[in-house]
Amino acid sequence: MATVVTVPRDSSLQFRLVVGTNPETGAPIIQSKTFTRVKAAALDQNVYDVATALNGLQKYPLSEIRLEKESQLTE
């Protein structure tokens, strides 16, 4: 069996924004905004700091910040 090597790839930062409320259920209506090409070497704290700064530029309130990391598996 070959040894598997994990190679980090660029990730994406996703904002989940509350754009309204469902009038029938009262549940929040969530819309996503994605920023791609976040460098794999970026520290989670630095990504979070940038996300909170960008949040101030958004029209709608923030529900959640997601960082989706990608990796490539090779032998």
PDB file of N, CA and C in Angstrom:
ATOM      1  N   MET A   1       0.844  -1.189   0.000  1.00  0.00           N
ATOM      2  CA  MET A   1       0.000   0.000   0.000  1.00  0.00           C
ATOM      3  C   MET A   1       0.882   1.242   0.000  1.00  0.00           C
ATOM      4  N   ALA A   2       0.525   2.196  -0.815  1.00  0.00           N
ATOM      5  CA  ALA A   2       1.278   3.449  -0.899  1.00  0.00           C
ATOM      6  C   ALA A   2       0.865   4.389   0.224  1.00  0.00           C
ATOM      7  N   THR A   3       1.775   5.260   0.574  1.00  0.00           N
ATOM      8  CA  THR A   3       1.492   6.273   1.584  1.00  0.00           C
ATOM      9  C   THR A   3       0.710   7.414   0.938  1.00  0.00           C
ATOM     10  N   VAL A   4      -0.359   7.813   1.568  1.00  0.00           N
ATOM     11  CA  VAL A   4      -1.197   8.900   1.058  1.00  0.00           C
ATOM     12  C   VAL A   4      -0.677  10.221   1.608  1.00  0.00           C
ATOM     13  N   VAL A   5      -0.543  11.194   0.714  1.00  0.00           N
ATOM     14  CA  VAL A   5      -0.091  12.528   1.078  1.00  0.00           C
ATOM     15  C   VAL A   5      -1.255  13.499   0.867  1.00  0.00           C
ATOM     16  N   THR A   6      -1.508  14.326   1.863  1.00  0.00           N
ATOM     17  CA  THR A   6      -2.561  15.339   1.768  1.00  0.00           C
ATOM     18  C   THR A   6      -1.926  16.668   1.390  1.00  0.00           C
ATOM     19  N   VAL A   7      -2.372  17.222   0.270  1.00  0.00           N
ATOM     20  CA  VAL A   7      -1.855  18.509  -0.208  1.00  0.00           C
ATOM     21  C   VAL A   7      -2.969  19.551  -0.050  1.00  0.00           C
ATOM     22  N   PRO A   8      -2.767  20.537   0.842  1.00  0.00           N
ATOM     23  CA  PRO A   8      -3.794  21.579   0.997  1.00  0.00           C
ATOM     24  C   PRO A   8      -3.956  22.390  -0.285  1.00  0.00           C
ATOM     25  N   ARG A   9      -5.194  22.741  -0.591  1.00  0.00           N
ATOM     26  CA  ARG A   9      -5.509  23.579  -1.758  1.00  0.00           C
ATOM     27  C   ARG A   9      -6.220  24.822  -1.273  1.00  0.00           C
ATOM     28  N   ASP A  10      -6.357  25.801  -2.161  1.00  0.00           N
ATOM     29  CA  ASP A  10      -7.068  27.021  -1.785  1.00  0.00           C
ATOM     30  C   ASP A  10      -8.475  26.678  -1.303  1.00  0.00           C
ATOM     31  N   SER A  11      -8.962  27.468  -0.371  1.00  0.00           N
ATOM     32  CA  SER A  11     -10.263  27.228   0.230  1.00  0.00           C
ATOM     33  C   SER A  11     -11.225  28.356  -0.136  1.00  0.00           C
ATOM     34  N   SER A  12     -12.406  28.316   0.447  1.00  0.00           N
ATOM     35  CA  SER A  12     -13.365  29.395   0.211  1.00  0.00           C
ATOM     36  C   SER A  12     -13.985  29.826   1.541  1.00  0.00           C
ATOM     37  N   LEU A  13     -14.307  31.099   1.594  1.00  0.00           N
ATOM     38  CA  LEU A  13     -14.928  31.712   2.756  1.00  0.00           C
ATOM     39  C   LEU A  13     -16.377  31.991   2.383  1.00  0.00           C
ATOM     40  N   GLN A  14     -17.290  31.540   3.218  1.00  0.00           N
ATOM     41  CA  GLN A  14     -18.707  31.711   2.902  1.00  0.00           C
ATOM     42  C   GLN A  14     -19.421  32.453   4.027  1.00  0.00           C
ATOM     43  N   PHE A  15     -20.154  33.484   3.633  1.00  0.00           N
ATOM     44  CA  PHE A  15     -21.029  34.194   4.561  1.00  0.00           C
ATOM     45  C   PHE A  15     -22.441  33.644   4.362  1.00  0.00           C
ATOM     46  N   ARG A  16     -23.123  33.378   5.447  1.00  0.00           N
ATOM     47  CA  ARG A  16     -24.541  33.015   5.412  1.00  0.00           C
ATOM     48  C   ARG A  16     -25.284  34.215   5.990  1.00  0.00           C
ATOM     49  N   LEU A  17     -26.036  34.893   5.131  1.00  0.00           N
ATOM     50  CA  LEU A  17     -26.680  36.155   5.473  1.00  0.00           C
ATOM     51  C   LEU A  17     -28.184  35.979   5.626  1.00  0.00           C
ATOM     52  N   VAL A  18     -28.761  36.666   6.604  1.00  0.00           N
ATOM     53  CA  VAL A  18     -30.216  36.647   6.813  1.00  0.00           C
ATOM     54  C   VAL A  18     -30.799  37.778   5.963  1.00  0.00           C
ATOM     55  N   VAL A  19     -31.467  37.381   4.876  1.00  0.00           N
ATOM     56  CA  VAL A  19     -31.987  38.378   3.937  1.00  0.00           C
ATOM     57  C   VAL A  19     -33.468  38.671   4.148  1.00  0.00           C
ATOM     58  N   GLY A  20     -34.087  37.967   5.071  1.00  0.00           N
ATOM     59  CA  GLY A  20     -35.499  38.205   5.347  1.00  0.00           C
ATOM     60  C   GLY A  20     -36.066  37.125   6.247  1.00  0.00           C
ATOM     61  N   THR A  21     -37.370  37.143   6.372  1.00  0.00           N
ATOM     62  CA  THR A  21     -38.077  36.167   7.201  1.00  0.00           C
ATOM     63  C   THR A  21     -39.232  35.599   6.400  1.00  0.00           C
ATOM     64  N   ASN A  22     -39.388  34.294   6.466  1.00  0.00           N
ATOM     65  CA  ASN A  22     -40.509  33.644   5.800  1.00  0.00           C
ATOM     66  C   ASN A  22     -41.787  34.071   6.506  1.00  0.00           C
ATOM     67  N   PRO A  23     -42.720  34.719   5.792  1.00  0.00           N
ATOM     68  CA  PRO A  23     -43.930  35.228   6.443  1.00  0.00           C
ATOM     69  C   PRO A  23     -44.846  34.131   6.985  1.00  0.00           C
ATOM     70  N   GLU A  24     -44.769  32.933   6.421  1.00  0.00           N
ATOM     71  CA  GLU A  24     -45.645  31.848   6.865  1.00  0.00           C
ATOM     72  C   GLU A  24     -45.103  31.132   8.097  1.00  0.00           C
ATOM     73  N   THR A  25     -43.776  30.911   8.130  1.00  0.00           N
ATOM     74  CA  THR A  25     -43.199  30.123   9.220  1.00  0.00           C
ATOM     75  C   THR A  25     -42.419  30.959  10.222  1.00  0.00           C
ATOM     76  N   GLY A  26     -42.022  32.159   9.817  1.00  0.00           N
ATOM     77  CA  GLY A  26     -41.206  32.992  10.685  1.00  0.00           C
ATOM     78  C   GLY A  26     -39.738  32.597  10.686  1.00  0.00           C
ATOM     79  N   ALA A  27     -39.394  31.602   9.876  1.00  0.00           N
ATOM     80  CA  ALA A  27     -38.007  31.145   9.793  1.00  0.00           C
ATOM     81  C   ALA A  27     -37.176  32.141   8.980  1.00  0.00           C
ATOM     82  N   PRO A  28     -35.908  32.286   9.337  1.00  0.00           N
ATOM     83  CA  PRO A  28     -35.068  33.206   8.569  1.00  0.00           C
ATOM     84  C   PRO A  28     -34.803  32.678   7.160  1.00  0.00           C
ATOM     85  N   ILE A  29     -34.698  33.596   6.215  1.00  0.00           N
ATOM     86  CA  ILE A  29     -34.323  33.263   4.844  1.00  0.00           C
ATOM     87  C   ILE A  29     -32.827  33.533   4.738  1.00  0.00           C
ATOM     88  N   ILE A  30     -32.069  32.491   4.427  1.00  0.00           N
ATOM     89  CA  ILE A  30     -30.609  32.573   4.396  1.00  0.00           C
ATOM     90  C   ILE A  30     -30.130  32.590   2.950  1.00  0.00           C
ATOM     91  N   GLN A  31     -29.172  33.472   2.677  1.00  0.00           N
ATOM     92  CA  GLN A  31     -28.536  33.537   1.370  1.00  0.00           C
ATOM     93  C   GLN A  31     -27.031  33.472   1.587  1.00  0.00           C
ATOM     94  N   SER A  32     -26.321  32.801   0.693  1.00  0.00           N
ATOM     95  CA  SER A  32     -24.871  32.644   0.825  1.00  0.00           C
ATOM     96  C   SER A  32     -24.125  33.592  -0.097  1.00  0.00           C
ATOM     97  N   LYS A  33     -22.987  34.059   0.391  1.00  0.00           N
ATOM     98  CA  LYS A  33     -22.055  34.836  -0.422  1.00  0.00           C
ATOM     99  C   LYS A  33     -20.692  34.185  -0.221  1.00  0.00           C
ATOM    100  N   THR A  34     -20.035  33.792  -1.310  1.00  0.00           N
ATOM    101  CA  THR A  34     -18.784  33.039  -1.231  1.00  0.00           C
ATOM    102  C   THR A  34     -17.621  33.834  -1.805  1.00  0.00           C
ATOM    103  N   PHE A  35     -16.517  33.802  -1.086  1.00  0.00           N
ATOM    104  CA  PHE A  35     -15.259  34.399  -1.524  1.00  0.00           C
ATOM    105  C   PHE A  35     -14.289  33.244  -1.754  1.00  0.00           C
ATOM    106  N   THR A  36     -13.837  33.079  -2.975  1.00  0.00           N
ATOM    107  CA  THR A  36     -12.985  31.946  -3.321  1.00  0.00           C
ATOM    108  C   THR A  36     -11.502  32.327  -3.250  1.00  0.00           C
ATOM    109  N   ARG A  37     -10.670  31.332  -3.450  1.00  0.00           N
ATOM    110  CA  ARG A  37      -9.213  31.471  -3.540  1.00  0.00           C
ATOM    111  C   ARG A  37      -8.573  31.962  -2.243  1.00  0.00           C
ATOM    112  N   VAL A  38      -9.106  31.506  -1.107  1.00  0.00           N
ATOM    113  CA  VAL A  38      -8.460  31.770   0.178  1.00  0.00           C
ATOM    114  C   VAL A  38      -7.247  30.851   0.236  1.00  0.00           C
ATOM    115  N   LYS A  39      -6.084  31.402   0.420  1.00  0.00           N
ATOM    116  CA  LYS A  39      -4.851  30.620   0.415  1.00  0.00           C
ATOM    117  C   LYS A  39      -4.836  29.573   1.519  1.00  0.00           C
ATOM    118  N   ALA A  40      -4.329  28.400   1.196  1.00  0.00           N
ATOM    119  CA  ALA A  40      -4.272  27.290   2.155  1.00  0.00           C
ATOM    120  C   ALA A  40      -3.395  27.645   3.355  1.00  0.00           C
ATOM    121  N   ALA A  41      -2.404  28.503   3.152  1.00  0.00           N
ATOM    122  CA  ALA A  41      -1.486  28.870   4.230  1.00  0.00           C
ATOM    123  C   ALA A  41      -2.080  29.901   5.190  1.00  0.00           C
ATOM    124  N   ALA A  42      -3.232  30.455   4.850  1.00  0.00           N
ATOM    125  CA  ALA A  42      -3.852  31.479   5.708  1.00  0.00           C
ATOM    126  C   ALA A  42      -4.283  30.854   7.034  1.00  0.00           C
ATOM    127  N   LEU A  43      -3.940  31.513   8.123  1.00  0.00           N
ATOM    128  CA  LEU A  43      -4.329  31.035   9.444  1.00  0.00           C
ATOM    129  C   LEU A  43      -5.817  31.277   9.669  1.00  0.00           C
ATOM    130  N   ASP A  44      -6.460  30.371  10.391  1.00  0.00           N
ATOM    131  CA  ASP A  44      -7.894  30.491  10.646  1.00  0.00           C
ATOM    132  C   ASP A  44      -8.239  31.828  11.314  1.00  0.00           C
ATOM    133  N   GLN A  45      -7.415  32.267  12.252  1.00  0.00           N
ATOM    134  CA  GLN A  45      -7.673  33.532  12.946  1.00  0.00           C
ATOM    135  C   GLN A  45      -7.611  34.706  11.974  1.00  0.00           C
ATOM    136  N   ASN A  46      -6.658  34.679  11.054  1.00  0.00           N
ATOM    137  CA  ASN A  46      -6.538  35.757  10.071  1.00  0.00           C
ATOM    138  C   ASN A  46      -7.740  35.772   9.123  1.00  0.00           C
ATOM    139  N   VAL A  47      -8.189  34.592   8.717  1.00  0.00           N
ATOM    140  CA  VAL A  47      -9.368  34.503   7.852  1.00  0.00           C
ATOM    141  C   VAL A  47     -10.588  35.048   8.592  1.00  0.00           C
ATOM    142  N   TYR A  48     -10.715  34.697   9.859  1.00  0.00           N
ATOM    143  CA  TYR A  48     -11.842  35.184  10.661  1.00  0.00           C
ATOM    144  C   TYR A  48     -11.786  36.708  10.804  1.00  0.00           C
ATOM    145  N   ASP A  49     -10.597  37.249  11.038  1.00  0.00           N
ATOM    146  CA  ASP A  49     -10.449  38.701  11.171  1.00  0.00           C
ATOM    147  C   ASP A  49     -10.870  39.419   9.889  1.00  0.00           C
ATOM    148  N   VAL A  50     -10.469  38.878   8.751  1.00  0.00           N
ATOM    149  CA  VAL A  50     -10.866  39.469   7.468  1.00  0.00           C
ATOM    150  C   VAL A  50     -12.374  39.335   7.275  1.00  0.00           C
ATOM    151  N   ALA A  51     -12.922  38.187   7.654  1.00  0.00           N
ATOM    152  CA  ALA A  51     -14.362  37.972   7.513  1.00  0.00           C
ATOM    153  C   ALA A  51     -15.160  38.971   8.346  1.00  0.00           C
ATOM    154  N   THR A  52     -14.710  39.227   9.560  1.00  0.00           N
ATOM    155  CA  THR A  52     -15.449  40.185  10.398  1.00  0.00           C
ATOM    156  C   THR A  52     -15.321  41.598   9.837  1.00  0.00           C
ATOM    157  N   ALA A  53     -14.189  41.913   9.220  1.00  0.00           N
ATOM    158  CA  ALA A  53     -14.038  43.228   8.587  1.00  0.00           C
ATOM    159  C   ALA A  53     -14.956  43.340   7.366  1.00  0.00           C
ATOM    160  N   LEU A  54     -15.020  42.283   6.559  1.00  0.00           N
ATOM    161  CA  LEU A  54     -15.893  42.287   5.382  1.00  0.00           C
ATOM    162  C   LEU A  54     -17.364  42.299   5.783  1.00  0.00           C
ATOM    163  N   ASN A  55     -17.672  41.734   6.922  1.00  0.00           N
ATOM    164  CA  ASN A  55     -19.053  41.702   7.399  1.00  0.00           C
ATOM    165  C   ASN A  55     -19.613  43.115   7.537  1.00  0.00           C
ATOM    166  N   GLY A  56     -18.778  44.058   7.921  1.00  0.00           N
ATOM    167  CA  GLY A  56     -19.233  45.436   8.060  1.00  0.00           C
ATOM    168  C   GLY A  56     -19.661  46.065   6.743  1.00  0.00           C
ATOM    169  N   LEU A  57     -19.272  45.454   5.636  1.00  0.00           N
ATOM    170  CA  LEU A  57     -19.623  45.976   4.314  1.00  0.00           C
ATOM    171  C   LEU A  57     -20.875  45.315   3.731  1.00  0.00           C
ATOM    172  N   GLN A  58     -21.427  44.346   4.450  1.00  0.00           N
ATOM    173  CA  GLN A  58     -22.584  43.604   3.946  1.00  0.00           C
ATOM    174  C   GLN A  58     -23.887  44.354   4.229  1.00  0.00           C
ATOM    175  N   LYS A  59     -24.833  44.177   3.333  1.00  0.00           N
ATOM    176  CA  LYS A  59     -26.137  44.827   3.463  1.00  0.00           C
ATOM    177  C   LYS A  59     -27.009  44.130   4.509  1.00  0.00           C
ATOM    178  N   TYR A  60     -26.858  42.808   4.617  1.00  0.00           N
ATOM    179  CA  TYR A  60     -27.711  42.006   5.494  1.00  0.00           C
ATOM    180  C   TYR A  60     -26.929  41.500   6.704  1.00  0.00           C
ATOM    181  N   PRO A  61     -27.632  41.170   7.788  1.00  0.00           N
ATOM    182  CA  PRO A  61     -26.953  40.648   8.983  1.00  0.00           C
ATOM    183  C   PRO A  61     -26.385  39.241   8.748  1.00  0.00           C
ATOM    184  N   LEU A  62     -25.294  38.993   9.406  1.00  0.00           N
ATOM    185  CA  LEU A  62     -24.581  37.726   9.268  1.00  0.00           C
ATOM    186  C   LEU A  62     -25.169  36.671  10.196  1.00  0.00           C
ATOM    187  N   SER A  63     -25.419  35.497   9.643  1.00  0.00           N
ATOM    188  CA  SER A  63     -25.900  34.366  10.432  1.00  0.00           C
ATOM    189  C   SER A  63     -24.740  33.454  10.807  1.00  0.00           C
ATOM    190  N   GLU A  64     -23.798  33.269   9.865  1.00  0.00           N
ATOM    191  CA  GLU A  64     -22.738  32.287  10.069  1.00  0.00           C
ATOM    192  C   GLU A  64     -21.579  32.569   9.118  1.00  0.00           C
ATOM    193  N   ILE A  65     -20.366  32.264   9.577  1.00  0.00           N
ATOM    194  CA  ILE A  65     -19.170  32.316   8.739  1.00  0.00           C
ATOM    195  C   ILE A  65     -18.687  30.881   8.576  1.00  0.00           C
ATOM    196  N   ARG A  66     -18.448  30.478   7.336  1.00  0.00           N
ATOM    197  CA  ARG A  66     -17.921  29.139   7.069  1.00  0.00           C
ATOM    198  C   ARG A  66     -16.609  29.244   6.302  1.00  0.00           C
ATOM    199  N   LEU A  67     -15.669  28.387   6.652  1.00  0.00           N
ATOM    200  CA  LEU A  67     -14.420  28.257   5.910  1.00  0.00           C
ATOM    201  C   LEU A  67     -14.379  26.839   5.380  1.00  0.00           C
ATOM    202  N   GLU A  68     -14.455  26.708   4.080  1.00  0.00           N
ATOM    203  CA  GLU A  68     -14.466  25.392   3.450  1.00  0.00           C
ATOM    204  C   GLU A  68     -13.078  25.110   2.905  1.00  0.00           C
ATOM    205  N   LYS A  69     -12.383  24.192   3.587  1.00  0.00           N
ATOM    206  CA  LYS A  69     -11.007  23.853   3.215  1.00  0.00           C
ATOM    207  C   LYS A  69     -11.015  22.678   2.240  1.00  0.00           C
ATOM    208  N   GLU A  70     -10.128  22.758   1.252  1.00  0.00           N
ATOM    209  CA  GLU A  70     -10.014  21.690   0.272  1.00  0.00           C
ATOM    210  C   GLU A  70      -8.618  21.113   0.304  1.00  0.00           C
ATOM    211  N   SER A  71      -8.540  19.820   0.055  1.00  0.00           N
ATOM    212  CA  SER A  71      -7.249  19.132   0.010  1.00  0.00           C
ATOM    213  C   SER A  71      -7.264  18.150  -1.142  1.00  0.00           C
ATOM    214  N   GLN A  72      -6.062  17.851  -1.637  1.00  0.00           N
ATOM    215  CA  GLN A  72      -5.904  16.855  -2.676  1.00  0.00           C
ATOM    216  C   GLN A  72      -5.162  15.678  -2.060  1.00  0.00           C
ATOM    217  N   LEU A  73      -5.644  14.487  -2.286  1.00  0.00           N
ATOM    218  CA  LEU A  73      -4.982  13.283  -1.786  1.00  0.00           C
ATOM    219  C   LEU A  73      -4.193  12.644  -2.925  1.00  0.00           C
ATOM    220  N   THR A  74      -2.917  12.406  -2.675  1.00  0.00           N
ATOM    221  CA  THR A  74      -2.052  11.790  -3.678  1.00  0.00           C
ATOM    222  C   THR A  74      -1.221  10.696  -3.012  1.00  0.00           C
ATOM    223  N   GLU A  75      -0.577   9.917  -3.838  1.00  0.00           N
ATOM    224  CA  GLU A  75       0.322   8.877  -3.318  1.00  0.00           C
ATOM    225  C   GLU A  75       1.750   9.363  -3.352  1.00  0.00           C
TER     226      GLU A  75
END
